[in-house]
C-alpha atoms as a PDB file:
ATOM      1  CA  MET A   1      42.348 -31.655  12.373  1.00  0.00           C
ATOM      2  CA  GLU A   2      39.355 -29.083  12.751  1.00  0.00           C
ATOM      3  CA  TYR A   3      35.994 -30.071  11.740  1.00  0.00           C
ATOM      4  CA  GLY A   4      35.610 -29.772   8.052  1.00  0.00           C
ATOM      5  CA  GLU A   5      39.162 -29.304   7.331  1.00  0.00           C
ATOM      6  CA  ALA A   6      41.106 -31.557   4.911  1.00  0.00           C
ATOM      7  CA  TYR A   7      44.179 -33.602   5.805  1.00  0.00           C
ATOM      8  CA  ASP A   8      46.356 -31.316   3.603  1.00  0.00           C
ATOM      9  CA  GLU A   9      44.840 -28.303   5.161  1.00  0.00           C
ATOM     10  CA  ALA A  10      45.390 -29.558   8.673  1.00  0.00           C
ATOM     11  CA  CYS A  11      48.991 -30.537   7.667  1.00  0.00           C
ATOM     12  CA  LYS A  12      50.050 -26.989   6.488  1.00  0.00           C
ATOM     13  CA  ARG A  13      48.203 -25.281   9.470  1.00  0.00           C
ATOM     14  CA  GLU A  14      49.768 -27.585  12.103  1.00  0.00           C
ATOM     15  CA  LEU A  15      53.203 -27.511  10.703  1.00  0.00           C
ATOM     16  CA  LEU A  16      52.807 -23.538  10.736  1.00  0.00           C
ATOM     17  CA  GLU A  17      51.666 -23.542  14.529  1.00  0.00           C
ATOM     18  CA  ASP A  18      54.093 -26.060  15.738  1.00  0.00           C
ATOM     19  CA  THR A  19      57.171 -25.171  13.730  1.00  0.00           C
ATOM     20  CA  GLY A  20      56.824 -21.871  12.122  1.00  0.00           C
ATOM     21  CA  LEU A  21      57.275 -23.159   8.630  1.00  0.00           C
ATOM     22  CA  ASN A  22      54.927 -22.485   5.691  1.00  0.00           C
ATOM     23  CA  VAL A  23      54.800 -25.617   3.573  1.00  0.00           C
ATOM     24  CA  GLU A  24      53.602 -26.907   0.424  1.00  0.00           C
ATOM     25  CA  VAL A  25      51.984 -30.374   0.156  1.00  0.00           C
ATOM     26  CA  VAL A  26      53.676 -32.162  -2.475  1.00  0.00           C
ATOM     27  CA  ARG A  27      52.163 -35.592  -1.973  1.00  0.00           C
ATOM     28  CA  PRO A  28      50.533 -38.044   0.498  1.00  0.00           C
ATOM     29  CA  LEU A  29      52.832 -40.747   1.431  1.00  0.00           C
ATOM     30  CA  GLY A  30      50.615 -42.940   3.683  1.00  0.00           C
ATOM     31  CA  LEU A  31      47.768 -43.368   5.851  1.00  0.00           C
ATOM     32  CA  PHE A  32      48.664 -44.732   9.320  1.00  0.00           C
ATOM     33  CA  ASP A  33      45.452 -46.112  11.142  1.00  0.00           C
ATOM     34  CA  LYS A  34      45.848 -49.298  12.940  1.00  0.00           C
ATOM     35  CA  TYR A  35      47.029 -47.951  16.164  1.00  0.00           C
ATOM     36  CA  PHE A  36      45.005 -48.011  19.484  1.00  0.00           C
ATOM     37  CA  MET A  37      46.032 -46.222  22.807  1.00  0.00           C
ATOM     38  CA  GLU A  38      44.182 -46.495  26.433  1.00  0.00           C
ATOM     39  CA  TYR A  39      44.682 -43.304  28.768  1.00  0.00           C
ATOM     40  CA  SER A  40      45.220 -44.087  32.475  1.00  0.00           C
ATOM     41  CA  ASN A  41      41.382 -43.259  33.210  1.00  0.00           C
ATOM     42  CA  GLY A  42      40.529 -45.971  30.871  1.00  0.00           C
ATOM     43  CA  ASP A  43      39.386 -43.962  27.845  1.00  0.00           C
ATOM     44  CA  LYS A  44      40.229 -45.668  24.428  1.00  0.00           C
ATOM     45  CA  LEU A  45      41.173 -44.211  21.146  1.00  0.00           C
ATOM     46  CA  GLN A  46      42.182 -45.244  17.478  1.00  0.00           C
ATOM     47  CA  ASN A  47      45.107 -42.747  16.272  1.00  0.00           C
ATOM     48  CA  ILE A  48      44.711 -42.135  12.448  1.00  0.00           C
ATOM     49  CA  GLY A  49      47.546 -40.097  10.751  1.00  0.00           C
ATOM     50  CA  MET A  50      48.526 -39.160   7.445  1.00  0.00           C
ATOM     51  CA  LEU A  51      51.926 -38.526   6.519  1.00  0.00           C
ATOM     52  CA  PHE A  52      52.928 -35.915   3.702  1.00  0.00           C
ATOM     53  CA  LEU A  53      55.878 -35.062   1.626  1.00  0.00           C
ATOM     54  CA  VAL A  54      56.211 -31.428   2.154  1.00  0.00           C
ATOM     55  CA  LYS A  55      58.425 -28.577   0.923  1.00  0.00           C
ATOM     56  CA  PRO A  56      58.984 -25.653   3.165  1.00  0.00           C
ATOM     57  CA  ILE A  57      58.284 -22.257   1.098  1.00  0.00           C
ATOM     58  CA  SER A  58      58.853 -19.726   3.823  1.00  0.00           C
ATOM     59  CA  GLY A  59      59.191 -19.266   7.640  1.00  0.00           C
ATOM     60  CA  ARG A  60      61.877 -20.036  10.252  1.00  0.00           C
ATOM     61  CA  LEU A  61      61.952 -22.704  12.659  1.00  0.00           C
ATOM     62  CA  LEU A  62      60.489 -21.381  15.940  1.00  0.00           C
ATOM     63  CA  SER A  63      63.271 -20.689  18.191  1.00  0.00           C
ATOM     64  CA  LYS A  64      61.283 -20.557  21.635  1.00  0.00           C
ATOM     65  CA  ARG A  65      59.332 -23.158  23.724  1.00  0.00           C
ATOM     66  CA  THR A  66      55.735 -23.446  23.162  1.00  0.00           C
ATOM     67  CA  ASN A  67      52.871 -25.219  24.775  1.00  0.00           C
ATOM     68  CA  GLU A  68      53.155 -27.897  21.992  1.00  0.00           C
ATOM     69  CA  THR A  69      56.633 -27.564  20.970  1.00  0.00           C
ATOM     70  CA  TRP A  70      59.856 -27.888  23.118  1.00  0.00           C
ATOM     71  CA  SER A  71      62.561 -27.657  20.606  1.00  0.00           C
ATOM     72  CA  LEU A  72      63.082 -28.079  17.027  1.00  0.00           C
ATOM     73  CA  LYS A  73      65.946 -29.732  15.221  1.00  0.00           C
ATOM     74  CA  TYR A  74      66.677 -31.102  11.697  1.00  0.00           C
ATOM     75  CA  PHE A  75      68.664 -34.516  11.807  1.00  0.00           C
ATOM     76  CA  ASP A  76      69.960 -37.142   9.588  1.00  0.00           C
ATOM     77  CA  ILE A  77      67.343 -39.772   8.591  1.00  0.00           C
ATOM     78  CA  ASN A  78      69.899 -42.502   9.582  1.00  0.00           C
ATOM     79  CA  HIS A  79      70.359 -40.938  13.046  1.00  0.00           C
ATOM     80  CA  THR A  80      67.006 -40.058  14.706  1.00  0.00           C
ATOM     81  CA  PRO A  81      65.906 -39.337  18.544  1.00  0.00           C
ATOM     82  CA  GLU A  82      64.091 -42.535  19.910  1.00  0.00           C
ATOM     83  CA  LEU A  83      60.759 -42.741  18.932  1.00  0.00           C
ATOM     84  CA  ILE A  84      58.171 -43.712  21.549  1.00  0.00           C
ATOM     85  CA  PHE A  85      54.925 -44.356  19.515  1.00  0.00           C
ATOM     86  CA  GLU A  86      54.624 -47.450  16.773  1.00  0.00           C
ATOM     87  CA  GLN A  87      52.837 -45.046  14.423  1.00  0.00           C
ATOM     88  CA  ASN A  88      55.847 -42.680  14.309  1.00  0.00           C
ATOM     89  CA  LYS A  89      58.019 -45.854  14.041  1.00  0.00           C
ATOM     90  CA  ASP A  90      56.201 -46.923  11.085  1.00  0.00           C
ATOM     91  CA  MET A  91      56.122 -43.574   9.246  1.00  0.00           C
ATOM     92  CA  LEU A  92      59.712 -43.241   9.596  1.00  0.00           C
ATOM     93  CA  LYS A  93      60.104 -46.667   8.146  1.00  0.00           C
ATOM     94  CA  LEU A  94      58.399 -45.634   5.221  1.00  0.00           C
ATOM     95  CA  VAL A  95      60.403 -42.596   4.605  1.00  0.00           C
ATOM     96  CA  LYS A  96      63.859 -44.393   5.285  1.00  0.00           C
ATOM     97  CA  ASP A  97      62.056 -47.154   2.408  1.00  0.00           C
ATOM     98  CA  LEU A  98      61.272 -44.415   0.019  1.00  0.00           C
ATOM     99  CA  PHE A  99      64.915 -42.737   0.517  1.00  0.00           C
ATOM    100  CA  ARG A 100      66.312 -46.118  -0.549  1.00  0.00           C
ATOM    101  CA  GLN A 101      64.453 -46.555  -3.259  1.00  0.00           C
ATOM    102  CA  ASN A 102      65.579 -43.158  -5.053  1.00  0.00           C
END
């Protein structure tokens, strides 16, 4: 997030920058704020993330590697790539649970 930016604004901006897609934020799905990390130099941080349901409205997935995005691909919700961070695993679990409810 940039200073003064709202979560939904950051979501739309980051998705455009990192994927090439313009999106409409449909609704927030959850706040994930209980995650802590320590860098090799000893710096510690608390990682806070907000998960949104979004709807693509224009654009195309980037086809070239950038300094932040190596590749993009859609995948089946039940056959996802291995996730490293616990926060991402918890986000995926929430999404899977929402799909099961519908």
